[in-house]
C-alpha cells in the first residue's frame, strides 16, 4: 500500500513548504525514493512469479543490486528539514528490508540445515513482509494527496509519523523473522555438533538474538 504514494507526499512537501523545496531540488531525492520503491516492487514480483527458487533469487539479487545505487544515494542526503527527513527515513526502511532479505536469504541458500521447501517458505515470508512495507508507502501517498487542501503542517507531519512507525514495525518484524530462522538453523546444527558452521555462515554479531 505504499510505493507510489510516497512520491505524492514528497511532492506535497516540496510545494507546501518553500524551505523544503530548496533543499530537495539539489539532489532530487524524490527520484531516488522512487528508484527504491520500484526496486522493492520488482523484488516482490520476481519472488512471486519465478518457478525455480534458486534462479528466482538470482533475479532478486540482480534487481536489488540495480536499485542499490538509489538506496546509497538517498542515505547520503543530509540537508533536509524535519518532514522531509522522516519521509526519507521511511523510504530507507523499505530499502533496509530489501537488503535484509537479499543478504540473509543468500546465506540461507548455502545453509544445509534448511530444505528446499523451507527455503521456499522463507522466501515467501520475506516477500510478504516487503510487500506490506511498500504498501504502507502507497498508503502515505494516498492519504496526503487526497486531503492536501485541508491538511495543515502539523496534520501532515502526524500522518508521516504514523506511517513511519508502521514501516518501522515491519522493519523490526523482518529482523525478527530473520533471526528466528537463523536460530532454527543454529539449533539443528548444535544438535548435530556442527554449530560453528552456522556461526561462520551468519557471523556472531547477532548471536544473542538467536
N, C-alpha and C. Protein backbone atom coordinates (compact mmCIF):
# COMPACT_ATOMS: atom_id res chain seq x y z
N UNK A 1 0.82 -1.19 0.00
CA UNK A 1 0.00 0.00 0.00
C UNK A 1 0.87 1.25 0.00
N UNK A 2 2.15 1.16 -0.37
CA UNK A 2 2.93 2.34 -0.08
C UNK A 2 3.97 2.82 -1.08
N UNK A 3 4.02 2.25 -2.30
CA UNK A 3 5.13 2.60 -3.19
C UNK A 3 4.96 3.97 -3.85
N UNK A 4 3.90 4.12 -4.66
CA UNK A 4 3.72 5.34 -5.42
C UNK A 4 3.28 6.50 -4.53
N UNK A 5 2.65 6.20 -3.41
CA UNK A 5 2.10 7.24 -2.55
C UNK A 5 3.17 8.10 -1.92
N UNK A 6 4.31 7.52 -1.69
CA UNK A 6 5.38 8.27 -1.05
C UNK A 6 5.80 9.42 -1.93
N UNK A 7 5.72 9.21 -3.24
CA UNK A 7 6.14 10.26 -4.15
C UNK A 7 5.21 11.46 -4.05
N UNK A 8 3.93 11.20 -3.91
CA UNK A 8 2.98 12.29 -3.78
C UNK A 8 3.26 13.08 -2.52
N UNK A 9 3.55 12.35 -1.47
CA UNK A 9 3.86 13.00 -0.19
C UNK A 9 5.06 13.92 -0.35
N UNK A 10 6.06 13.43 -1.06
CA UNK A 10 7.26 14.23 -1.24
C UNK A 10 6.97 15.47 -2.07
N UNK A 11 6.17 15.31 -3.11
CA UNK A 11 5.80 16.44 -3.95
C UNK A 11 5.05 17.47 -3.13
N UNK A 12 4.16 17.02 -2.26
CA UNK A 12 3.41 17.93 -1.40
C UNK A 12 4.35 18.69 -0.47
N UNK A 13 5.32 17.99 0.06
CA UNK A 13 6.28 18.65 0.95
C UNK A 13 7.03 19.73 0.20
N UNK A 14 7.31 19.48 -1.06
CA UNK A 14 8.03 20.47 -1.86
C UNK A 14 7.16 21.68 -2.15
N UNK A 15 5.88 21.46 -2.47
CA UNK A 15 5.02 22.55 -2.87
C UNK A 15 4.45 23.33 -1.70
N UNK A 16 4.28 22.67 -0.56
CA UNK A 16 3.66 23.33 0.58
C UNK A 16 4.67 24.14 1.38
N UNK A 17 5.92 23.67 1.49
CA UNK A 17 6.91 24.35 2.32
C UNK A 17 8.10 24.78 1.49
N UNK A 18 8.27 26.08 1.22
CA UNK A 18 9.37 26.58 0.39
C UNK A 18 10.74 26.12 0.86
N UNK A 19 10.95 26.08 2.18
CA UNK A 19 12.26 25.69 2.68
C UNK A 19 12.61 24.27 2.30
N UNK A 20 11.59 23.41 2.22
CA UNK A 20 11.81 22.03 1.82
C UNK A 20 12.17 21.99 0.35
N UNK A 21 11.49 22.76 -0.43
CA UNK A 21 11.71 22.75 -1.88
C UNK A 21 13.17 23.07 -2.20
N UNK A 22 13.71 24.08 -1.55
CA UNK A 22 15.08 24.48 -1.85
C UNK A 22 16.06 23.37 -1.56
N UNK A 23 15.79 22.59 -0.54
CA UNK A 23 16.74 21.55 -0.15
C UNK A 23 16.57 20.27 -0.96
N UNK A 24 15.36 19.98 -1.38
CA UNK A 24 15.12 18.72 -2.08
C UNK A 24 15.56 18.77 -3.54
N UNK A 25 15.49 19.93 -4.14
CA UNK A 25 15.80 20.02 -5.57
C UNK A 25 17.26 19.72 -5.84
N UNK A 26 18.13 20.04 -4.90
CA UNK A 26 19.58 19.89 -5.12
C UNK A 26 19.96 18.47 -5.53
N UNK A 27 19.50 17.48 -4.81
CA UNK A 27 19.89 16.11 -5.10
C UNK A 27 18.75 15.28 -5.67
N UNK A 28 17.59 15.90 -5.85
CA UNK A 28 16.42 15.22 -6.41
C UNK A 28 16.13 13.91 -5.70
N UNK A 29 15.94 13.90 -4.37
CA UNK A 29 15.71 12.66 -3.64
C UNK A 29 14.39 11.98 -3.98
N UNK A 30 13.46 12.71 -4.59
CA UNK A 30 12.21 12.05 -4.98
C UNK A 30 12.47 10.96 -6.00
N UNK A 31 13.40 11.22 -6.93
CA UNK A 31 13.76 10.18 -7.91
C UNK A 31 14.48 9.03 -7.23
N UNK A 32 15.30 9.34 -6.23
CA UNK A 32 15.99 8.29 -5.50
C UNK A 32 14.99 7.42 -4.75
N UNK A 33 14.01 8.07 -4.12
CA UNK A 33 12.99 7.32 -3.40
C UNK A 33 12.18 6.45 -4.34
N UNK A 34 11.83 6.98 -5.50
CA UNK A 34 11.06 6.20 -6.46
C UNK A 34 11.87 5.01 -6.96
N UNK A 35 13.19 5.20 -7.10
CA UNK A 35 14.03 4.08 -7.51
C UNK A 35 14.02 2.96 -6.48
N UNK A 36 14.02 3.34 -5.19
CA UNK A 36 13.99 2.33 -4.13
C UNK A 36 12.68 1.57 -4.13
N UNK A 37 11.56 2.30 -4.20
CA UNK A 37 10.27 1.61 -4.14
C UNK A 37 10.02 0.79 -5.40
N UNK A 38 10.51 1.27 -6.55
CA UNK A 38 10.38 0.48 -7.77
C UNK A 38 11.18 -0.81 -7.66
N UNK A 39 12.38 -0.71 -7.08
CA UNK A 39 13.21 -1.89 -6.89
C UNK A 39 12.53 -2.88 -5.96
N UNK A 40 11.97 -2.38 -4.86
CA UNK A 40 11.27 -3.25 -3.91
C UNK A 40 10.09 -3.94 -4.58
N UNK A 41 9.37 -3.19 -5.39
CA UNK A 41 8.22 -3.77 -6.09
C UNK A 41 8.66 -4.86 -7.06
N UNK A 42 9.78 -4.64 -7.76
CA UNK A 42 10.29 -5.65 -8.68
C UNK A 42 10.75 -6.90 -7.93
N UNK A 43 11.34 -6.70 -6.75
CA UNK A 43 11.76 -7.84 -5.94
C UNK A 43 10.55 -8.68 -5.57
N UNK A 44 9.48 -8.02 -5.17
CA UNK A 44 8.24 -8.72 -4.81
C UNK A 44 7.70 -9.50 -5.99
N UNK A 45 7.65 -8.85 -7.15
CA UNK A 45 7.12 -9.51 -8.35
C UNK A 45 7.97 -10.70 -8.74
N UNK A 46 9.28 -10.53 -8.68
CA UNK A 46 10.18 -11.63 -9.03
C UNK A 46 10.03 -12.79 -8.07
N UNK A 47 9.87 -12.48 -6.78
CA UNK A 47 9.77 -13.52 -5.76
C UNK A 47 8.51 -14.37 -5.93
N UNK A 48 7.48 -13.79 -6.51
CA UNK A 48 6.21 -14.49 -6.60
C UNK A 48 5.93 -15.07 -7.97
N UNK A 49 6.78 -14.79 -8.97
CA UNK A 49 6.49 -15.27 -10.32
C UNK A 49 7.43 -16.38 -10.80
N UNK A 50 8.66 -16.39 -10.32
CA UNK A 50 9.61 -17.40 -10.79
C UNK A 50 9.24 -18.78 -10.24
N UNK A 51 9.55 -19.80 -11.02
CA UNK A 51 9.20 -21.16 -10.61
C UNK A 51 10.34 -21.88 -9.91
N UNK A 52 11.58 -21.55 -10.26
CA UNK A 52 12.74 -22.18 -9.63
C UNK A 52 13.30 -21.24 -8.57
N UNK A 53 13.37 -21.73 -7.33
CA UNK A 53 13.75 -20.86 -6.22
C UNK A 53 15.13 -20.25 -6.39
N UNK A 54 16.11 -21.04 -6.77
CA UNK A 54 17.47 -20.53 -6.88
C UNK A 54 17.59 -19.53 -8.02
N UNK A 55 17.05 -19.87 -9.19
CA UNK A 55 17.07 -18.92 -10.30
C UNK A 55 16.27 -17.67 -9.95
N UNK A 56 15.19 -17.88 -9.22
CA UNK A 56 14.36 -16.77 -8.77
C UNK A 56 15.20 -15.80 -7.94
N UNK A 57 15.93 -16.34 -6.98
CA UNK A 57 16.70 -15.47 -6.09
C UNK A 57 17.83 -14.77 -6.83
N UNK A 58 18.39 -15.40 -7.83
CA UNK A 58 19.42 -14.74 -8.63
C UNK A 58 18.84 -13.49 -9.29
N UNK A 59 17.59 -13.59 -9.75
CA UNK A 59 16.93 -12.43 -10.34
C UNK A 59 16.64 -11.37 -9.28
N UNK A 60 16.26 -11.82 -8.08
CA UNK A 60 16.03 -10.89 -6.97
C UNK A 60 17.32 -10.12 -6.66
N UNK A 61 18.43 -10.83 -6.59
CA UNK A 61 19.72 -10.18 -6.33
C UNK A 61 20.05 -9.16 -7.41
N UNK A 62 19.76 -9.51 -8.64
CA UNK A 62 20.05 -8.61 -9.76
C UNK A 62 19.24 -7.33 -9.62
N UNK A 63 17.96 -7.47 -9.31
CA UNK A 63 17.09 -6.30 -9.13
C UNK A 63 17.59 -5.44 -7.97
N UNK A 64 17.94 -6.10 -6.87
CA UNK A 64 18.40 -5.36 -5.70
C UNK A 64 19.69 -4.59 -6.01
N UNK A 65 20.63 -5.24 -6.66
CA UNK A 65 21.90 -4.59 -6.98
C UNK A 65 21.70 -3.40 -7.92
N UNK A 66 20.74 -3.51 -8.82
CA UNK A 66 20.45 -2.41 -9.73
C UNK A 66 19.85 -1.22 -8.99
N UNK A 67 19.05 -1.50 -7.96
CA UNK A 67 18.41 -0.43 -7.21
C UNK A 67 19.23 0.10 -6.05
N UNK A 68 20.31 -0.59 -5.70
CA UNK A 68 21.09 -0.20 -4.53
C UNK A 68 21.73 1.19 -4.70
N UNK A 69 21.97 1.60 -5.91
CA UNK A 69 22.53 2.93 -6.16
C UNK A 69 21.61 4.01 -5.60
N UNK A 70 20.30 3.84 -5.81
CA UNK A 70 19.34 4.80 -5.28
C UNK A 70 19.35 4.79 -3.75
N UNK A 71 19.42 3.61 -3.20
CA UNK A 71 19.42 3.44 -1.74
C UNK A 71 20.63 4.15 -1.12
N UNK A 72 21.81 3.92 -1.67
CA UNK A 72 23.02 4.52 -1.14
C UNK A 72 23.02 6.04 -1.27
N UNK A 73 22.52 6.53 -2.40
CA UNK A 73 22.48 7.97 -2.61
C UNK A 73 21.47 8.66 -1.69
N UNK A 74 20.32 8.02 -1.48
CA UNK A 74 19.32 8.62 -0.61
C UNK A 74 19.82 8.66 0.83
N UNK A 75 20.58 7.65 1.25
CA UNK A 75 21.14 7.63 2.59
C UNK A 75 22.10 8.81 2.79
N UNK A 76 22.72 9.25 1.72
CA UNK A 76 23.72 10.30 1.80
C UNK A 76 23.12 11.71 1.83
N UNK A 77 21.81 11.82 1.60
CA UNK A 77 21.15 13.13 1.63
C UNK A 77 20.97 13.56 3.08
N UNK A 78 21.55 14.69 3.44
CA UNK A 78 21.52 15.12 4.85
C UNK A 78 20.78 16.42 5.11
N UNK A 79 20.77 17.34 4.14
CA UNK A 79 20.25 18.68 4.39
C UNK A 79 18.73 18.75 4.18
N UNK A 80 18.00 18.03 5.02
CA UNK A 80 16.54 18.01 4.91
C UNK A 80 15.90 18.52 6.19
N UNK A 81 14.77 19.20 6.05
CA UNK A 81 14.02 19.63 7.23
C UNK A 81 13.28 18.43 7.81
N UNK A 82 12.64 18.62 8.94
CA UNK A 82 12.08 17.50 9.70
C UNK A 82 11.12 16.65 8.90
N UNK A 83 10.16 17.26 8.21
CA UNK A 83 9.16 16.50 7.46
C UNK A 83 9.81 15.63 6.39
N UNK A 84 10.69 16.26 5.61
CA UNK A 84 11.35 15.54 4.52
C UNK A 84 12.28 14.46 5.06
N UNK A 85 12.92 14.74 6.20
CA UNK A 85 13.82 13.75 6.80
C UNK A 85 13.05 12.49 7.19
N UNK A 86 11.87 12.65 7.77
CA UNK A 86 11.09 11.49 8.19
C UNK A 86 10.61 10.69 6.98
N UNK A 87 10.27 11.38 5.90
CA UNK A 87 9.89 10.68 4.67
C UNK A 87 11.07 9.89 4.14
N UNK A 88 12.24 10.52 4.14
CA UNK A 88 13.46 9.83 3.69
C UNK A 88 13.70 8.58 4.52
N UNK A 89 13.59 8.71 5.84
CA UNK A 89 13.84 7.57 6.72
C UNK A 89 12.84 6.45 6.47
N UNK A 90 11.61 6.81 6.17
CA UNK A 90 10.59 5.80 5.91
C UNK A 90 10.92 5.00 4.65
N UNK A 91 11.33 5.71 3.61
CA UNK A 91 11.71 5.02 2.37
C UNK A 91 12.94 4.15 2.59
N UNK A 92 13.90 4.66 3.35
CA UNK A 92 15.12 3.89 3.59
C UNK A 92 14.85 2.63 4.39
N UNK A 93 13.85 2.65 5.25
CA UNK A 93 13.48 1.44 5.98
C UNK A 93 13.06 0.34 5.02
N UNK A 94 12.33 0.72 3.98
CA UNK A 94 11.92 -0.27 2.97
C UNK A 94 13.16 -0.79 2.24
N UNK A 95 14.11 0.12 1.96
CA UNK A 95 15.37 -0.34 1.37
C UNK A 95 16.11 -1.29 2.28
N UNK A 96 16.06 -1.03 3.59
CA UNK A 96 16.70 -1.92 4.56
C UNK A 96 16.06 -3.31 4.56
N UNK A 97 14.75 -3.34 4.43
CA UNK A 97 14.05 -4.63 4.39
C UNK A 97 14.52 -5.43 3.18
N UNK A 98 14.63 -4.77 2.04
CA UNK A 98 15.14 -5.44 0.84
C UNK A 98 16.54 -5.98 1.07
N UNK A 99 17.37 -5.16 1.73
CA UNK A 99 18.75 -5.55 2.00
C UNK A 99 18.82 -6.75 2.93
N UNK A 100 18.00 -6.75 3.98
CA UNK A 100 17.99 -7.89 4.91
C UNK A 100 17.56 -9.16 4.19
N UNK A 101 16.57 -9.03 3.32
CA UNK A 101 16.09 -10.17 2.55
C UNK A 101 17.21 -10.74 1.70
N UNK A 102 17.80 -9.90 0.88
CA UNK A 102 18.80 -10.37 -0.08
C UNK A 102 20.04 -10.93 0.63
N UNK A 103 20.56 -10.20 1.59
CA UNK A 103 21.80 -10.63 2.25
C UNK A 103 21.62 -11.92 3.05
N UNK A 104 20.54 -12.00 3.81
CA UNK A 104 20.36 -13.17 4.68
C UNK A 104 19.85 -14.38 3.93
N UNK A 105 18.94 -14.18 2.99
CA UNK A 105 18.43 -15.34 2.27
C UNK A 105 19.52 -15.93 1.37
N UNK A 106 20.41 -15.09 0.88
CA UNK A 106 21.53 -15.61 0.11
C UNK A 106 22.38 -16.57 0.92
N UNK A 107 22.54 -16.28 2.22
CA UNK A 107 23.28 -17.18 3.11
C UNK A 107 22.47 -18.45 3.40
N UNK A 108 21.17 -18.27 3.56
CA UNK A 108 20.32 -19.43 3.86
C UNK A 108 20.32 -20.44 2.73
N UNK A 109 20.49 -19.98 1.50
CA UNK A 109 20.57 -20.90 0.36
C UNK A 109 21.79 -21.81 0.46
N UNK A 110 22.80 -21.37 1.20
CA UNK A 110 24.01 -22.18 1.39
C UNK A 110 24.03 -22.87 2.74
N UNK A 111 22.88 -22.88 3.40
CA UNK A 111 22.78 -23.47 4.73
C UNK A 111 22.14 -24.86 4.62
N UNK A 112 22.88 -25.94 4.90
CA UNK A 112 22.35 -27.30 4.76
C UNK A 112 21.27 -27.64 5.79
N UNK A 113 21.06 -26.75 6.76
CA UNK A 113 20.05 -27.01 7.78
C UNK A 113 18.64 -26.65 7.33
N UNK A 114 18.51 -26.10 6.13
CA UNK A 114 17.20 -25.82 5.56
C UNK A 114 16.99 -26.68 4.31
N UNK A 115 15.80 -27.24 4.16
CA UNK A 115 15.49 -27.96 2.93
C UNK A 115 14.82 -27.01 1.94
N UNK A 116 14.61 -27.50 0.73
CA UNK A 116 14.08 -26.64 -0.34
C UNK A 116 12.69 -26.10 0.00
N UNK A 117 11.86 -26.93 0.58
CA UNK A 117 10.52 -26.49 0.93
C UNK A 117 10.56 -25.37 1.98
N UNK A 118 11.44 -25.51 2.93
CA UNK A 118 11.57 -24.48 3.97
C UNK A 118 12.11 -23.18 3.38
N UNK A 119 13.06 -23.28 2.47
CA UNK A 119 13.62 -22.09 1.85
C UNK A 119 12.57 -21.36 1.02
N UNK A 120 11.74 -22.12 0.34
CA UNK A 120 10.66 -21.50 -0.43
C UNK A 120 9.71 -20.74 0.49
N UNK A 121 9.39 -21.35 1.62
CA UNK A 121 8.50 -20.70 2.59
C UNK A 121 9.15 -19.44 3.16
N UNK A 122 10.44 -19.49 3.44
CA UNK A 122 11.15 -18.33 3.97
C UNK A 122 11.17 -17.20 2.94
N UNK A 123 11.44 -17.55 1.68
CA UNK A 123 11.44 -16.53 0.62
C UNK A 123 10.07 -15.88 0.50
N UNK A 124 9.03 -16.68 0.58
CA UNK A 124 7.67 -16.13 0.51
C UNK A 124 7.40 -15.22 1.70
N UNK A 125 7.92 -15.60 2.87
CA UNK A 125 7.75 -14.76 4.05
C UNK A 125 8.40 -13.40 3.88
N UNK A 126 9.61 -13.38 3.38
CA UNK A 126 10.30 -12.11 3.11
C UNK A 126 9.50 -11.27 2.11
N UNK A 127 9.01 -11.92 1.06
CA UNK A 127 8.28 -11.20 0.03
C UNK A 127 7.01 -10.57 0.58
N UNK A 128 6.30 -11.30 1.44
CA UNK A 128 5.07 -10.78 2.05
C UNK A 128 5.37 -9.57 2.92
N UNK A 129 6.41 -9.67 3.75
CA UNK A 129 6.75 -8.57 4.64
C UNK A 129 7.23 -7.34 3.87
N UNK A 130 7.97 -7.58 2.80
CA UNK A 130 8.42 -6.46 1.97
C UNK A 130 7.24 -5.80 1.28
N UNK A 131 6.30 -6.62 0.82
CA UNK A 131 5.12 -6.08 0.18
C UNK A 131 4.30 -5.21 1.14
N UNK A 132 4.14 -5.67 2.36
CA UNK A 132 3.39 -4.89 3.35
C UNK A 132 4.09 -3.55 3.62
N UNK A 133 5.40 -3.56 3.64
CA UNK A 133 6.14 -2.33 3.88
C UNK A 133 5.95 -1.33 2.74
N UNK A 134 6.03 -1.81 1.52
CA UNK A 134 5.88 -0.92 0.38
C UNK A 134 4.43 -0.44 0.23
N UNK A 135 3.50 -1.27 0.63
CA UNK A 135 2.10 -0.85 0.59
C UNK A 135 1.86 0.32 1.53
N UNK A 136 2.58 0.37 2.65
CA UNK A 136 2.45 1.50 3.56
C UNK A 136 2.90 2.79 2.90
N UNK A 137 3.90 2.72 2.05
CA UNK A 137 4.35 3.91 1.33
C UNK A 137 3.26 4.41 0.38
N UNK A 138 2.60 3.51 -0.30
CA UNK A 138 1.50 3.91 -1.18
C UNK A 138 0.37 4.52 -0.38
N UNK A 139 0.11 3.97 0.78
CA UNK A 139 -0.95 4.50 1.65
C UNK A 139 -0.62 5.92 2.07
N UNK A 140 0.63 6.18 2.38
CA UNK A 140 1.06 7.51 2.75
C UNK A 140 0.79 8.49 1.62
N UNK A 141 1.12 8.13 0.43
CA UNK A 141 0.88 8.99 -0.72
C UNK A 141 -0.60 9.29 -0.90
N UNK A 142 -1.43 8.27 -0.80
CA UNK A 142 -2.87 8.44 -1.00
C UNK A 142 -3.47 9.34 0.06
N UNK A 143 -3.08 9.12 1.31
CA UNK A 143 -3.64 9.92 2.40
C UNK A 143 -3.29 11.39 2.22
N UNK A 144 -2.03 11.67 1.98
CA UNK A 144 -1.60 13.05 1.87
C UNK A 144 -2.17 13.70 0.62
N UNK A 145 -2.21 12.97 -0.46
CA UNK A 145 -2.69 13.52 -1.72
C UNK A 145 -4.17 13.84 -1.67
N UNK A 146 -4.97 12.95 -1.10
CA UNK A 146 -6.41 13.11 -1.10
C UNK A 146 -6.88 14.22 -0.18
N UNK A 147 -6.07 14.59 0.80
CA UNK A 147 -6.51 15.59 1.77
C UNK A 147 -5.57 16.79 1.85
N UNK A 148 -4.81 17.00 0.79
CA UNK A 148 -3.77 18.02 0.85
C UNK A 148 -4.33 19.43 1.06
N UNK A 149 -5.52 19.71 0.57
CA UNK A 149 -6.08 21.05 0.69
C UNK A 149 -6.52 21.36 2.12
N UNK A 150 -6.82 20.34 2.89
CA UNK A 150 -7.33 20.56 4.25
C UNK A 150 -6.30 20.29 5.34
N UNK A 151 -5.17 19.70 4.98
CA UNK A 151 -4.16 19.38 5.99
C UNK A 151 -3.26 20.58 6.29
N UNK A 152 -3.04 20.84 7.56
CA UNK A 152 -2.02 21.81 7.91
C UNK A 152 -0.70 21.07 8.12
N UNK A 153 0.36 21.81 8.40
CA UNK A 153 1.68 21.19 8.51
C UNK A 153 1.74 20.16 9.63
N UNK A 154 1.11 20.44 10.77
CA UNK A 154 1.12 19.51 11.88
C UNK A 154 0.39 18.21 11.53
N UNK A 155 -0.75 18.34 10.88
CA UNK A 155 -1.52 17.15 10.50
C UNK A 155 -0.74 16.31 9.49
N UNK A 156 -0.07 16.99 8.58
CA UNK A 156 0.73 16.26 7.59
C UNK A 156 1.87 15.51 8.27
N UNK A 157 2.53 16.19 9.22
CA UNK A 157 3.63 15.56 9.93
C UNK A 157 3.13 14.40 10.77
N UNK A 158 1.95 14.52 11.33
CA UNK A 158 1.38 13.42 12.12
C UNK A 158 1.17 12.18 11.25
N UNK A 159 0.69 12.40 10.02
CA UNK A 159 0.47 11.28 9.11
C UNK A 159 1.81 10.63 8.74
N UNK A 160 2.79 11.46 8.44
CA UNK A 160 4.11 10.93 8.11
C UNK A 160 4.66 10.12 9.27
N UNK A 161 4.51 10.64 10.50
CA UNK A 161 4.99 9.93 11.69
C UNK A 161 4.29 8.58 11.85
N UNK A 162 2.99 8.55 11.62
CA UNK A 162 2.22 7.31 11.78
C UNK A 162 2.69 6.24 10.81
N UNK A 163 2.91 6.64 9.56
CA UNK A 163 3.37 5.68 8.56
C UNK A 163 4.79 5.23 8.88
N UNK A 164 5.61 6.16 9.31
CA UNK A 164 6.98 5.79 9.69
C UNK A 164 6.98 4.72 10.78
N UNK A 165 6.14 4.91 11.79
CA UNK A 165 6.06 3.95 12.89
C UNK A 165 5.63 2.58 12.38
N UNK A 166 4.66 2.54 11.47
CA UNK A 166 4.18 1.27 10.94
C UNK A 166 5.25 0.57 10.12
N UNK A 167 5.95 1.35 9.28
CA UNK A 167 7.01 0.76 8.47
C UNK A 167 8.14 0.27 9.37
N UNK A 168 8.42 1.02 10.42
CA UNK A 168 9.45 0.61 11.37
C UNK A 168 9.07 -0.71 12.03
N UNK A 169 7.78 -0.91 12.30
CA UNK A 169 7.33 -2.17 12.89
C UNK A 169 7.58 -3.33 11.94
N UNK A 170 7.30 -3.13 10.65
CA UNK A 170 7.57 -4.19 9.67
C UNK A 170 9.08 -4.43 9.55
N UNK A 171 9.84 -3.36 9.61
CA UNK A 171 11.30 -3.49 9.56
C UNK A 171 11.79 -4.36 10.72
N UNK A 172 11.28 -4.11 11.91
CA UNK A 172 11.64 -4.91 13.07
C UNK A 172 11.15 -6.34 12.94
N UNK A 173 9.99 -6.50 12.32
CA UNK A 173 9.44 -7.85 12.13
C UNK A 173 10.30 -8.66 11.18
N UNK A 174 10.82 -8.01 10.13
CA UNK A 174 11.72 -8.70 9.20
C UNK A 174 13.00 -9.12 9.92
N UNK A 175 13.50 -8.26 10.79
CA UNK A 175 14.70 -8.60 11.55
C UNK A 175 14.42 -9.80 12.47
N UNK A 176 13.26 -9.77 13.11
CA UNK A 176 12.87 -10.87 13.99
C UNK A 176 12.70 -12.16 13.18
N UNK A 177 12.05 -12.07 12.02
CA UNK A 177 11.84 -13.21 11.15
C UNK A 177 13.18 -13.82 10.74
N UNK A 178 14.13 -12.95 10.42
CA UNK A 178 15.46 -13.40 10.02
C UNK A 178 16.16 -14.12 11.17
N UNK A 179 16.14 -13.50 12.33
CA UNK A 179 16.84 -14.09 13.48
C UNK A 179 16.22 -15.41 13.93
N UNK A 180 14.89 -15.51 13.86
CA UNK A 180 14.24 -16.76 14.25
C UNK A 180 14.58 -17.88 13.29
N UNK A 181 14.66 -17.58 12.00
CA UNK A 181 15.05 -18.60 11.03
C UNK A 181 16.49 -19.05 11.25
N UNK A 182 17.37 -18.09 11.53
CA UNK A 182 18.76 -18.45 11.79
C UNK A 182 18.86 -19.28 13.07
N UNK A 183 18.02 -18.96 14.06
CA UNK A 183 18.06 -19.72 15.30
C UNK A 183 17.65 -21.17 15.08
N UNK A 184 16.73 -21.40 14.14
CA UNK A 184 16.34 -22.77 13.80
C UNK A 184 17.55 -23.53 13.24
N UNK A 185 18.26 -22.87 12.35
CA UNK A 185 19.46 -23.49 11.78
C UNK A 185 20.50 -23.77 12.86
N UNK A 186 20.68 -22.80 13.75
CA UNK A 186 21.69 -22.96 14.81
C UNK A 186 21.36 -24.14 15.73
N UNK A 187 20.09 -24.27 16.11
CA UNK A 187 19.68 -25.36 16.98
C UNK A 187 19.87 -26.72 16.29
N UNK A 188 19.57 -26.78 15.00
CA UNK A 188 19.76 -28.02 14.25
C UNK A 188 21.24 -28.36 14.15
N UNK A 189 22.05 -27.33 13.91
CA UNK A 189 23.48 -27.56 13.81
C UNK A 189 24.08 -27.96 15.16
N UNK A 190 23.59 -27.36 16.20
CA UNK A 190 24.09 -27.68 17.54
C UNK A 190 23.77 -29.12 17.89
N UNK A 191 22.60 -29.57 17.50
CA UNK A 191 22.21 -30.95 17.75
C UNK A 191 23.12 -31.92 17.01
N UNK A 192 23.61 -31.48 15.86
CA UNK A 192 24.50 -32.32 15.06
C UNK A 192 25.98 -32.03 15.35
N UNK A 193 26.22 -31.26 16.42
CA UNK A 193 27.59 -30.89 16.80
C UNK A 193 28.32 -30.15 15.69
N UNK A 194 27.60 -29.26 15.01
CA UNK A 194 28.18 -28.52 13.90
C UNK A 194 27.77 -27.05 13.96
N UNK A 195 27.64 -26.51 15.16
CA UNK A 195 27.17 -25.14 15.32
C UNK A 195 28.15 -24.10 14.79
N UNK A 196 29.43 -24.43 14.76
CA UNK A 196 30.42 -23.47 14.28
C UNK A 196 30.19 -23.10 12.82
N UNK A 197 29.68 -24.05 12.07
CA UNK A 197 29.42 -23.77 10.65
C UNK A 197 28.37 -22.68 10.50
N UNK A 198 27.36 -22.69 11.35
CA UNK A 198 26.33 -21.66 11.30
C UNK A 198 26.90 -20.32 11.72
N UNK A 199 27.74 -20.32 12.75
CA UNK A 199 28.37 -19.09 13.20
C UNK A 199 29.26 -18.51 12.11
N UNK A 200 29.96 -19.36 11.40
CA UNK A 200 30.82 -18.90 10.31
C UNK A 200 29.99 -18.33 9.16
N UNK A 201 28.82 -18.92 8.92
CA UNK A 201 27.99 -18.50 7.80
C UNK A 201 27.31 -17.16 8.07
N UNK A 202 26.72 -17.01 9.24
CA UNK A 202 25.93 -15.81 9.53
C UNK A 202 26.68 -14.78 10.37
N UNK A 203 27.81 -15.17 10.94
CA UNK A 203 28.53 -14.26 11.81
C UNK A 203 28.00 -14.34 13.24
N UNK A 204 28.68 -13.69 14.14
CA UNK A 204 28.31 -13.78 15.55
C UNK A 204 27.74 -12.49 16.11
N UNK A 205 27.63 -11.45 15.28
CA UNK A 205 27.19 -10.14 15.78
C UNK A 205 25.82 -10.19 16.42
N UNK A 206 24.90 -10.95 15.81
CA UNK A 206 23.52 -11.02 16.32
C UNK A 206 23.21 -12.34 17.01
N UNK A 207 24.25 -13.03 17.43
CA UNK A 207 24.05 -14.36 18.00
C UNK A 207 23.14 -14.34 19.23
N UNK A 208 23.19 -13.25 20.00
CA UNK A 208 22.37 -13.18 21.22
C UNK A 208 20.87 -13.20 20.91
N UNK A 209 20.51 -12.86 19.65
CA UNK A 209 19.09 -12.86 19.28
C UNK A 209 18.61 -14.22 18.77
N UNK A 210 19.53 -15.17 18.65
CA UNK A 210 19.16 -16.49 18.16
C UNK A 210 18.63 -17.33 19.30
